[in-house]
Amino acid sequence: MPTAHPEPFDRTVARRPTVLLVGGTGLVGHELLCQLLADPDIGEVRALVRRPVSAEALLRMAPQAMPGVGKLRIGVIDFERLVQHSEWFDADWVASTLGTTIAQAGSRPAFRRVDLDYPLEVMQLARAQGARRAMLVSAVGARATSRIFYNRVKGELEEAVRELGFEHVSVAQPSLLAGARPAFRLGERVGLALGWLMPAPYKPVAASQVAAGLLASAKAGEPGWHVLTNTALRGMG
């Protein structure tokens, strides 16, 4: 069940990294959360959510993650007042898999709020408290100068995160995501059905592959900015 605040820890003691995750209820976020919990090299995992949820519901009873459920801490926070939840951002690594669609958000400004403002503020707060590595889900074609609004917002986020000074950043740029979504989306079903006919850089990619690519890159921890292309992600186990 959600905790009021995370338990304090001693940074002077060598230990496994604490990872802060936002977007854990989404397709890639759920996969990344499960992989983090199943990984013996990862310490505490802090999942920030909007509404109270049990660990079992958040994990959707994923068998590979359940043995690691003891290291999961769920924080119910107000994303409009992230700074008021500063105790959650004291982590070693931070990951954002937040994302929506314009249709779901209801407007371009609302989409921008979820896909740019929230993840950027999360990254800023975590970096200010000492986070060294970051994982970010972007999109194929992300570019701040793009004429396509969706790609432009993703590109603006990438540029802003790049300026925060993390020692290591892994950026996944997937195409259409394949996986077990909790909600039915007709357009995505059609896209997935036809997407396999697209060139490799644009073929659908499994959410589990995106999560695996991010985690593998973050664990390697090579300094600098690391873009994981859709083609590279599709080659992940």
Protein backbone atom coordinates (compact mmCIF):
# COMPACT_ATOMS: atom_id res chain seq x y z
CA MET A 1 0.00 0.00 0.00
CA PRO A 2 1.13 3.62 -0.47
CA THR A 3 3.46 4.97 2.17
CA ALA A 4 3.31 8.47 3.63
CA HIS A 5 6.94 9.06 2.75
CA PRO A 6 9.97 6.99 1.76
CA GLU A 7 12.23 5.67 4.45
CA PRO A 8 15.50 7.63 4.76
CA PHE A 9 18.73 6.02 3.66
CA ASP A 10 22.42 6.67 4.15
CA ARG A 11 24.22 7.71 0.96
CA THR A 12 27.60 7.01 2.56
CA VAL A 13 26.96 3.27 2.54
CA ALA A 14 27.70 1.40 -0.68
CA ARG A 15 24.43 -0.07 -1.90
CA ARG A 16 22.23 -0.75 -4.86
CA PRO A 17 20.78 2.37 -6.55
CA THR A 18 17.44 3.80 -5.54
CA VAL A 19 15.32 4.47 -8.64
CA LEU A 20 12.49 7.00 -8.90
CA LEU A 21 9.90 6.21 -11.58
CA VAL A 22 7.01 8.29 -12.93
CA GLY A 23 4.60 6.81 -15.44
CA GLY A 24 4.57 3.33 -13.92
CA THR A 25 0.89 2.79 -14.74
CA GLY A 26 1.50 3.14 -18.48
CA LEU A 27 2.57 0.55 -21.02
CA VAL A 28 6.35 1.09 -20.93
CA GLY A 29 6.28 2.27 -17.32
CA HIS A 30 4.69 -0.95 -16.14
CA GLU A 31 7.30 -3.01 -17.97
CA LEU A 32 10.14 -0.91 -16.59
CA LEU A 33 8.74 -1.12 -13.06
CA CYS A 34 8.53 -4.90 -13.28
CA GLN A 35 12.07 -5.18 -14.65
CA LEU A 36 13.45 -2.88 -11.95
CA LEU A 37 11.84 -4.96 -9.22
CA ALA A 38 13.04 -8.22 -10.74
CA ASP A 39 16.63 -6.97 -11.07
CA PRO A 40 18.82 -7.93 -8.07
CA ASP A 41 21.19 -5.06 -8.87
CA ILE A 42 18.48 -2.47 -8.24
CA GLY A 43 17.61 -1.31 -4.74
CA GLU A 44 14.52 0.59 -3.68
CA VAL A 45 12.08 1.53 -6.44
CA ARG A 46 9.85 4.55 -5.86
CA ALA A 47 6.78 4.76 -8.09
CA LEU A 48 4.92 8.06 -8.07
CA VAL A 49 1.21 7.89 -8.91
CA ARG A 50 -1.78 10.23 -8.93
CA ARG A 51 -4.21 8.01 -7.05
CA PRO A 52 -3.87 5.35 -4.33
CA VAL A 53 -3.13 1.92 -5.76
CA SER A 54 -1.92 -1.34 -4.27
CA ALA A 55 1.35 -2.90 -5.34
CA GLU A 56 -0.54 -5.86 -6.78
CA ALA A 57 -2.75 -3.62 -8.91
CA LEU A 58 0.19 -1.52 -10.06
CA LEU A 59 2.15 -4.59 -11.09
CA ARG A 60 -0.95 -6.25 -12.61
CA MET A 61 0.18 -9.45 -10.88
CA ALA A 62 3.30 -9.73 -13.05
CA PRO A 63 4.96 -12.92 -11.74
CA GLN A 64 8.51 -11.83 -12.54
CA ALA A 65 8.15 -8.72 -10.39
CA MET A 66 6.33 -10.08 -7.36
CA PRO A 67 9.46 -11.48 -5.60
CA GLY A 68 10.86 -7.94 -5.58
CA VAL A 69 7.71 -6.24 -4.37
CA GLY A 70 9.28 -5.66 -0.96
CA LYS A 71 11.56 -2.97 -2.40
CA LEU A 72 8.66 -1.05 -3.97
CA ARG A 73 7.51 2.24 -2.42
CA ILE A 74 4.40 3.88 -3.86
CA GLY A 75 3.99 7.62 -3.47
CA VAL A 76 0.63 9.27 -4.11
CA ILE A 77 1.42 12.82 -5.21
CA ASP A 78 -0.10 15.88 -6.83
CA PHE A 79 1.69 16.42 -10.13
CA GLU A 80 0.62 20.05 -10.07
CA ARG A 81 2.59 20.50 -6.83
CA LEU A 82 5.59 18.25 -7.31
CA VAL A 83 7.86 20.47 -5.26
CA GLN A 84 5.72 19.75 -2.20
CA HIS A 85 6.73 16.10 -2.42
CA SER A 86 10.47 16.70 -2.36
CA GLU A 87 11.15 13.77 0.00
CA TRP A 88 10.43 11.35 -2.86
CA PHE A 89 13.04 12.79 -5.21
CA ASP A 90 16.11 11.86 -3.19
CA ALA A 91 17.13 9.02 -5.51
CA ASP A 92 20.18 7.84 -7.43
CA TRP A 93 18.43 7.30 -10.76
CA VAL A 94 15.25 8.83 -12.19
CA ALA A 95 13.05 7.46 -14.97
CA SER A 96 10.14 9.08 -16.78
CA THR A 97 7.83 7.07 -18.98
CA LEU A 98 5.03 9.63 -18.80
CA GLY A 99 3.07 10.11 -21.98
CA THR A 100 -0.43 10.58 -23.32
CA THR A 101 -2.14 11.46 -26.60
CA ILE A 102 -3.75 14.72 -27.63
CA ALA A 103 -7.07 12.89 -27.80
CA GLN A 104 -6.71 11.66 -24.23
CA ALA A 105 -5.38 14.97 -22.92
CA GLY A 106 -8.14 16.93 -24.62
CA SER A 107 -6.01 19.75 -26.00
CA ARG A 108 -2.50 20.61 -27.11
CA PRO A 109 -1.74 22.59 -23.93
CA ALA A 110 -2.92 19.68 -21.78
CA PHE A 111 -0.82 17.25 -23.81
CA ARG A 112 2.21 19.50 -23.40
CA ARG A 113 1.62 19.61 -19.66
CA VAL A 114 1.78 15.82 -19.35
CA ASP A 115 4.45 15.07 -21.94
CA LEU A 116 6.83 17.94 -21.26
CA ASP A 117 6.16 19.92 -18.08
CA TYR A 118 5.66 17.02 -15.66
CA PRO A 119 8.61 14.86 -16.74
CA LEU A 120 10.93 17.85 -16.92
CA GLU A 121 10.03 19.01 -13.42
CA VAL A 122 10.50 15.47 -12.10
CA MET A 123 13.94 15.35 -13.70
CA GLN A 124 14.84 18.77 -12.31
CA LEU A 125 13.79 17.89 -8.77
CA ALA A 126 15.62 14.56 -8.82
CA ARG A 127 18.76 16.12 -10.27
CA ALA A 128 18.70 18.85 -7.62
CA GLN A 129 18.78 16.14 -4.95
CA GLY A 130 21.71 14.31 -6.47
CA ALA A 131 20.32 11.88 -9.06
CA ARG A 132 23.15 10.87 -11.38
CA ARG A 133 21.46 8.79 -14.08
CA ALA A 134 18.23 9.35 -15.99
CA MET A 135 15.99 7.28 -18.25
CA LEU A 136 13.50 8.97 -20.57
CA VAL A 137 10.93 7.67 -23.02
CA SER A 138 10.71 9.97 -26.02
CA ALA A 139 9.60 9.06 -29.55
CA VAL A 140 10.96 8.32 -32.99
CA GLY A 141 11.29 11.57 -34.89
CA ALA A 142 11.59 13.71 -31.75
CA ARG A 143 13.03 17.08 -32.72
CA ALA A 144 12.50 20.50 -31.17
CA THR A 145 12.23 22.08 -34.63
CA SER A 146 9.78 19.53 -36.03
CA ARG A 147 6.63 20.78 -37.76
CA ILE A 148 4.76 17.89 -36.15
CA PHE A 149 3.49 19.04 -32.76
CA TYR A 150 3.93 15.66 -31.05
CA ASN A 151 7.52 15.27 -32.24
CA ARG A 152 8.30 18.89 -31.40
CA VAL A 153 7.16 18.52 -27.79
CA LYS A 154 9.22 15.34 -27.40
CA GLY A 155 12.24 17.08 -28.89
CA GLU A 156 11.85 20.07 -26.59
CA LEU A 157 11.80 17.74 -23.60
CA GLU A 158 14.95 15.98 -24.77
CA GLU A 159 16.79 19.28 -25.16
CA ALA A 160 15.69 20.50 -21.73
CA VAL A 161 16.72 17.26 -19.98
CA ARG A 162 20.06 17.31 -21.76
CA GLU A 163 20.84 20.63 -20.08
CA LEU A 164 20.29 19.33 -16.53
CA GLY A 165 23.77 17.87 -16.14
CA PHE A 166 23.10 14.20 -15.43
CA GLU A 167 26.18 11.99 -15.60
CA HIS A 168 24.27 9.55 -17.81
CA VAL A 169 21.01 9.84 -19.75
CA SER A 170 19.33 7.06 -21.72
CA VAL A 171 16.66 8.25 -24.17
CA ALA A 172 14.41 5.71 -25.86
CA GLN A 173 12.89 6.79 -29.17
CA PRO A 174 10.33 4.07 -29.94
CA SER A 175 7.81 3.96 -32.75
CA LEU A 176 4.33 2.54 -32.13
CA LEU A 177 4.30 0.52 -28.92
CA ALA A 178 3.05 -3.05 -28.75
CA GLY A 179 1.87 -4.57 -25.51
CA ALA A 180 -1.11 -5.32 -23.28
CA ARG A 181 -2.74 -1.93 -22.80
CA PRO A 182 -5.36 -1.55 -20.06
CA ALA A 183 -7.49 0.54 -22.45
CA PHE A 184 -8.56 -0.28 -26.02
CA ARG A 185 -7.34 2.16 -28.69
CA LEU A 186 -8.71 1.45 -32.16
CA GLY A 187 -6.20 3.65 -33.98
CA GLU A 188 -3.27 1.90 -32.32
CA ARG A 189 -4.71 -1.53 -33.06
CA VAL A 190 -4.93 -0.61 -36.73
CA GLY A 191 -1.44 0.88 -36.64
CA LEU A 192 -0.01 -2.26 -35.08
CA ALA A 193 -1.70 -4.45 -37.65
CA LEU A 194 -0.18 -2.48 -40.52
CA GLY A 195 3.02 -1.33 -38.84
CA TRP A 196 4.94 -4.49 -39.52
CA LEU A 197 4.97 -3.47 -43.20
CA MET A 198 6.93 -0.30 -42.36
CA PRO A 199 10.72 0.07 -42.65
CA ALA A 200 12.69 -1.09 -39.58
CA PRO A 201 13.06 2.39 -38.03
CA TYR A 202 9.26 2.68 -37.82
CA LYS A 203 8.08 -0.86 -37.12
CA PRO A 204 6.17 -1.40 -33.85
CA VAL A 205 8.29 -2.25 -30.83
CA ALA A 206 7.31 -4.16 -27.71
CA ALA A 207 7.03 -2.08 -24.55
CA SER A 208 9.12 -4.72 -22.77
CA GLN A 209 11.93 -4.13 -25.28
CA VAL A 210 11.85 -0.38 -24.67
CA ALA A 211 12.06 -0.96 -20.91
CA ALA A 212 14.86 -3.50 -21.32
CA GLY A 213 16.85 -1.10 -23.48
CA LEU A 214 16.55 1.74 -21.00
CA LEU A 215 17.49 -0.41 -18.03
CA ALA A 216 20.47 -2.03 -19.77
CA SER A 217 21.80 1.36 -20.85
CA ALA A 218 21.33 2.90 -17.41
CA LYS A 219 23.04 -0.02 -15.71
CA ALA A 220 26.00 0.25 -18.08
CA GLY A 221 26.15 3.87 -16.99
CA GLU A 222 28.48 5.16 -19.68
CA PRO A 223 28.83 8.92 -19.29
CA GLY A 224 26.92 11.17 -21.63
CA TRP A 225 23.77 11.21 -23.72
CA HIS A 226 22.64 7.87 -25.18
CA VAL A 227 19.82 7.64 -27.73
CA LEU A 228 18.22 4.22 -28.16
CA THR A 229 16.70 4.16 -31.65
CA ASN A 230 13.62 2.17 -32.51
CA THR A 231 15.74 -0.30 -34.49
CA ALA A 232 18.09 -0.81 -31.52
CA LEU A 233 15.16 -1.25 -29.15
CA ARG A 234 13.59 -3.90 -31.37
CA GLY A 235 16.78 -5.92 -30.98
CA MET A 236 16.44 -6.09 -27.21
CA GLY A 237 15.43 -9.31 -25.48
